[in-house]
PDB file of N, CA and C in Angstrom:
ATOM      1  N   MET A   1      44.592  30.057  82.214  1.00  0.00           N
ATOM      2  CA  MET A   1      43.575  29.754  81.407  1.00  0.00           C
ATOM      3  C   MET A   1      42.753  31.285  81.157  1.00  0.00           C
ATOM      4  N   ILE A   2      42.594  31.469  79.957  1.00  0.00           N
ATOM      5  CA  ILE A   2      41.606  32.960  79.670  1.00  0.00           C
ATOM      6  C   ILE A   2      40.112  32.345  79.513  1.00  0.00           C
ATOM      7  N   ASN A   3      39.421  33.036  80.493  1.00  0.00           N
ATOM      8  CA  ASN A   3      38.096  32.886  80.193  1.00  0.00           C
ATOM      9  C   ASN A   3      37.392  33.962  79.282  1.00  0.00           C
ATOM     10  N   PRO A   4      36.120  33.867  79.034  1.00  0.00           N
ATOM     11  CA  PRO A   4      35.679  34.435  77.900  1.00  0.00           C
ATOM     12  C   PRO A   4      35.542  36.057  77.969  1.00  0.00           C
ATOM     13  N   THR A   5      35.681  36.453  78.929  1.00  0.00           N
ATOM     14  CA  THR A   5      35.776  37.964  79.191  1.00  0.00           C
ATOM     15  C   THR A   5      37.224  38.363  79.035  1.00  0.00           C
ATOM     16  N   GLY A   6      38.131  37.588  78.731  1.00  0.00           N
ATOM     17  CA  GLY A   6      39.661  37.797  78.593  1.00  0.00           C
ATOM     18  C   GLY A   6      40.238  37.922  79.933  1.00  0.00           C
ATOM     19  N   GLN A   7      39.742  37.686  80.977  1.00  0.00           N
ATOM     20  CA  GLN A   7      40.598  37.618  82.125  1.00  0.00           C
ATOM     21  C   GLN A   7      41.107  36.245  82.477  1.00  0.00           C
ATOM     22  N   GLY A   8      42.079  36.245  83.386  1.00  0.00           N
ATOM     23  CA  GLY A   8      42.812  34.994  83.735  1.00  0.00           C
ATOM     24  C   GLY A   8      41.691  34.348  84.625  1.00  0.00           C
ATOM     25  N   ALA A   9      41.561  33.012  84.595  1.00  0.00           N
ATOM     26  CA  ALA A   9      40.666  32.536  85.607  1.00  0.00           C
ATOM     27  C   ALA A   9      41.515  31.089  86.088  1.00  0.00           C
ATOM     28  N   LEU A  10      40.965  31.013  87.387  1.00  0.00           N
ATOM     29  CA  LEU A  10      41.532  29.668  88.059  1.00  0.00           C
ATOM     30  C   LEU A  10      40.639  28.413  87.615  1.00  0.00           C
ATOM     31  N   VAL A  11      41.386  27.419  87.558  1.00  0.00           N
ATOM     32  CA  VAL A  11      40.740  26.197  86.860  1.00  0.00           C
ATOM     33  C   VAL A  11      40.902  25.057  88.126  1.00  0.00           C
ATOM     34  N   SER A  12      39.684  24.681  88.417  1.00  0.00           N
ATOM     35  CA  SER A  12      39.796  23.605  89.442  1.00  0.00           C
ATOM     36  C   SER A  12      40.489  22.404  89.059  1.00  0.00           C
ATOM     37  N   PRO A  13      41.328  21.720  90.203  1.00  0.00           N
ATOM     38  CA  PRO A  13      42.096  20.520  89.748  1.00  0.00           C
ATOM     39  C   PRO A  13      41.304  19.302  89.217  1.00  0.00           C
ATOM     40  N   ASP A  14      40.021  19.377  89.817  1.00  0.00           N
ATOM     41  CA  ASP A  14      39.152  18.292  89.331  1.00  0.00           C
ATOM     42  C   ASP A  14      38.754  18.420  87.800  1.00  0.00           C
ATOM     43  N   SER A  15      38.535  19.547  87.275  1.00  0.00           N
ATOM     44  CA  SER A  15      38.045  19.821  85.799  1.00  0.00           C
ATOM     45  C   SER A  15      39.349  19.599  85.144  1.00  0.00           C
ATOM     46  N   VAL A  16      40.817  19.840  85.575  1.00  0.00           N
ATOM     47  CA  VAL A  16      41.619  19.634  84.593  1.00  0.00           C
ATOM     48  C   VAL A  16      41.740  17.836  84.619  1.00  0.00           C
ATOM     49  N   LEU A  17      41.448  17.268  85.752  1.00  0.00           N
ATOM     50  CA  LEU A  17      41.910  15.841  85.822  1.00  0.00           C
ATOM     51  C   LEU A  17      40.597  15.367  84.993  1.00  0.00           C
ATOM     52  N   HIS A  18      39.485  15.634  84.998  1.00  0.00           N
ATOM     53  CA  HIS A  18      38.169  15.255  84.022  1.00  0.00           C
ATOM     54  C   HIS A  18      38.591  15.375  82.657  1.00  0.00           C
ATOM     55  N   ARG A  19      39.155  16.518  82.346  1.00  0.00           N
ATOM     56  CA  ARG A  19      39.524  16.590  80.856  1.00  0.00           C
ATOM     57  C   ARG A  19      40.833  15.836  80.323  1.00  0.00           C
ATOM     58  N   ALA A  20      41.584  15.479  81.375  1.00  0.00           N
ATOM     59  CA  ALA A  20      42.792  14.784  80.950  1.00  0.00           C
ATOM     60  C   ALA A  20      42.354  13.459  80.922  1.00  0.00           C
ATOM     61  N   ALA A  21      41.421  13.063  81.853  1.00  0.00           N
ATOM     62  CA  ALA A  21      40.886  11.494  81.828  1.00  0.00           C
ATOM     63  C   ALA A  21      40.209  11.341  80.507  1.00  0.00           C
ATOM     64  N   GLU A  22      39.306  12.325  79.895  1.00  0.00           N
ATOM     65  CA  GLU A  22      38.736  12.327  78.607  1.00  0.00           C
ATOM     66  C   GLU A  22      39.514  12.250  77.512  1.00  0.00           C
ATOM     67  N   ARG A  23      40.697  12.649  77.188  1.00  0.00           N
ATOM     68  CA  ARG A  23      41.579  12.681  76.423  1.00  0.00           C
ATOM     69  C   ARG A  23      42.312  11.260  76.597  1.00  0.00           C
ATOM     70  N   LEU A  24      42.685  10.837  77.592  1.00  0.00           N
ATOM     71  CA  LEU A  24      43.271   9.358  77.816  1.00  0.00           C
ATOM     72  C   LEU A  24      42.224   8.487  77.324  1.00  0.00           C
ATOM     73  N   ALA A  25      41.167   8.550  77.640  1.00  0.00           N
ATOM     74  CA  ALA A  25      39.833   7.573  77.195  1.00  0.00           C
ATOM     75  C   ALA A  25      40.074   7.364  75.850  1.00  0.00           C
ATOM     76  N   GLN A  26      39.840   8.686  75.134  1.00  0.00           N
ATOM     77  CA  GLN A  26      39.921   8.613  73.661  1.00  0.00           C
ATOM     78  C   GLN A  26      40.991   7.982  73.059  1.00  0.00           C
ATOM     79  N   GLN A  27      42.260   8.331  73.660  1.00  0.00           N
ATOM     80  CA  GLN A  27      43.563   7.529  72.959  1.00  0.00           C
ATOM     81  C   GLN A  27      43.409   6.171  73.327  1.00  0.00           C
ATOM     82  N   PHE A  28      42.791   5.715  74.209  1.00  0.00           N
ATOM     83  CA  PHE A  28      43.124   4.223  74.683  1.00  0.00           C
ATOM     84  C   PHE A  28      41.341   3.521  74.453  1.00  0.00           C
ATOM     85  N   ALA A  29      40.692   4.122  73.576  1.00  0.00           N
ATOM     86  CA  ALA A  29      39.359   3.620  73.311  1.00  0.00           C
ATOM     87  C   ALA A  29      39.406   2.105  72.846  1.00  0.00           C
ATOM     88  N   GLY A  30      38.566   1.437  73.320  1.00  0.00           N
ATOM     89  CA  GLY A  30      38.573   0.192  72.688  1.00  0.00           C
ATOM     90  C   GLY A  30      39.420  -0.832  73.699  1.00  0.00           C
ATOM     91  N   MET A  31      40.387  -0.265  74.427  1.00  0.00           N
ATOM     92  CA  MET A  31      41.114  -1.054  75.341  1.00  0.00           C
ATOM     93  C   MET A  31      40.826  -0.931  76.880  1.00  0.00           C
ATOM     94  N   VAL A  32      40.348  -0.050  77.250  1.00  0.00           N
ATOM     95  CA  VAL A  32      39.762   0.505  78.677  1.00  0.00           C
ATOM     96  C   VAL A  32      38.369   1.338  78.344  1.00  0.00           C
ATOM     97  N   ASN A  33      37.724   1.249  79.370  1.00  0.00           N
ATOM     98  CA  ASN A  33      36.537   2.283  79.118  1.00  0.00           C
ATOM     99  C   ASN A  33      36.875   3.728  79.776  1.00  0.00           C
ATOM    100  N   GLU A  34      35.898   4.877  79.667  1.00  0.00           N
ATOM    101  CA  GLU A  34      36.123   5.994  80.223  1.00  0.00           C
ATOM    102  C   GLU A  34      36.334   6.005  81.674  1.00  0.00           C
ATOM    103  N   GLU A  35      35.429   5.239  82.426  1.00  0.00           N
ATOM    104  CA  GLU A  35      35.325   5.296  83.760  1.00  0.00           C
ATOM    105  C   GLU A  35      36.519   4.504  84.531  1.00  0.00           C
ATOM    106  N   THR A  36      37.091   3.612  83.817  1.00  0.00           N
ATOM    107  CA  THR A  36      38.615   3.206  84.473  1.00  0.00           C
ATOM    108  C   THR A  36      39.526   4.196  84.058  1.00  0.00           C
ATOM    109  N   VAL A  37      39.587   4.959  83.150  1.00  0.00           N
ATOM    110  CA  VAL A  37      40.726   6.060  82.937  1.00  0.00           C
ATOM    111  C   VAL A  37      40.576   6.728  84.127  1.00  0.00           C
ATOM    112  N   GLU A  38      39.177   7.461  84.241  1.00  0.00           N
ATOM    113  CA  GLU A  38      39.095   8.488  85.403  1.00  0.00           C
ATOM    114  C   GLU A  38      39.499   8.036  86.791  1.00  0.00           C
ATOM    115  N   ARG A  39      39.243   6.605  86.945  1.00  0.00           N
ATOM    116  CA  ARG A  39      39.399   6.177  88.124  1.00  0.00           C
ATOM    117  C   ARG A  39      41.010   5.966  88.281  1.00  0.00           C
ATOM    118  N   VAL A  40      41.635   5.757  87.308  1.00  0.00           N
ATOM    119  CA  VAL A  40      43.106   5.498  87.507  1.00  0.00           C
ATOM    120  C   VAL A  40      43.842   6.984  87.589  1.00  0.00           C
ATOM    121  N   VAL A  41      43.183   7.944  86.797  1.00  0.00           N
ATOM    122  CA  VAL A  41      43.748   9.191  86.905  1.00  0.00           C
ATOM    123  C   VAL A  41      43.783   9.768  88.260  1.00  0.00           C
ATOM    124  N   PHE A  42      42.474   9.610  88.816  1.00  0.00           N
ATOM    125  CA  PHE A  42      42.006  10.337  90.266  1.00  0.00           C
ATOM    126  C   PHE A  42      42.873   9.284  91.211  1.00  0.00           C
ATOM    127  N   GLU A  43      43.136   8.042  91.177  1.00  0.00           N
ATOM    128  CA  GLU A  43      43.828   7.369  92.296  1.00  0.00           C
ATOM    129  C   GLU A  43      45.323   7.731  92.218  1.00  0.00           C
ATOM    130  N   SER A  44      45.851   7.916  91.027  1.00  0.00           N
ATOM    131  CA  SER A  44      47.389   8.156  90.976  1.00  0.00           C
ATOM    132  C   SER A  44      47.394   9.422  91.623  1.00  0.00           C
ATOM    133  N   LEU A  45      46.565  10.475  91.448  1.00  0.00           N
ATOM    134  CA  LEU A  45      46.849  11.774  92.116  1.00  0.00           C
ATOM    135  C   LEU A  45      46.590  11.632  93.678  1.00  0.00           C
ATOM    136  N   GLU A  46      45.600  10.644  94.229  1.00  0.00           N
ATOM    137  CA  GLU A  46      45.515  10.398  95.605  1.00  0.00           C
ATOM    138  C   GLU A  46      46.842   9.914  96.063  1.00  0.00           C
ATOM    139  N   ARG A  47      47.678   8.967  95.191  1.00  0.00           N
ATOM    140  CA  ARG A  47      48.778   8.289  95.807  1.00  0.00           C
ATOM    141  C   ARG A  47      49.914   9.320  95.958  1.00  0.00           C
ATOM    142  N   THR A  48      49.863  10.285  95.067  1.00  0.00           N
ATOM    143  CA  THR A  48      50.948  11.084  95.232  1.00  0.00           C
ATOM    144  C   THR A  48      51.010  12.060  96.538  1.00  0.00           C
ATOM    145  N   HIS A  49      49.665  12.084  97.050  1.00  0.00           N
ATOM    146  CA  HIS A  49      49.443  13.023  98.365  1.00  0.00           C
ATOM    147  C   HIS A  49      49.659  12.091  99.602  1.00  0.00           C
ATOM    148  N   ASP A  50      49.775  10.884  99.552  1.00  0.00           N
ATOM    149  CA  ASP A  50      50.092   9.968 100.780  1.00  0.00           C
ATOM    150  C   ASP A  50      51.462  10.256 101.258  1.00  0.00           C
TER     151      ASP A  50
END
């Protein structure tokens, strides 16, 4: 990812997951709420580390 100064920047995993959850929540709007999507995204990641 390029920051406003044009230099490469590290992105925290949490911020990436939050953005992914936001996109998924938009995609599934009306079926599940944003909090549920975010919980599932983060719980899925935790399961991969067990």
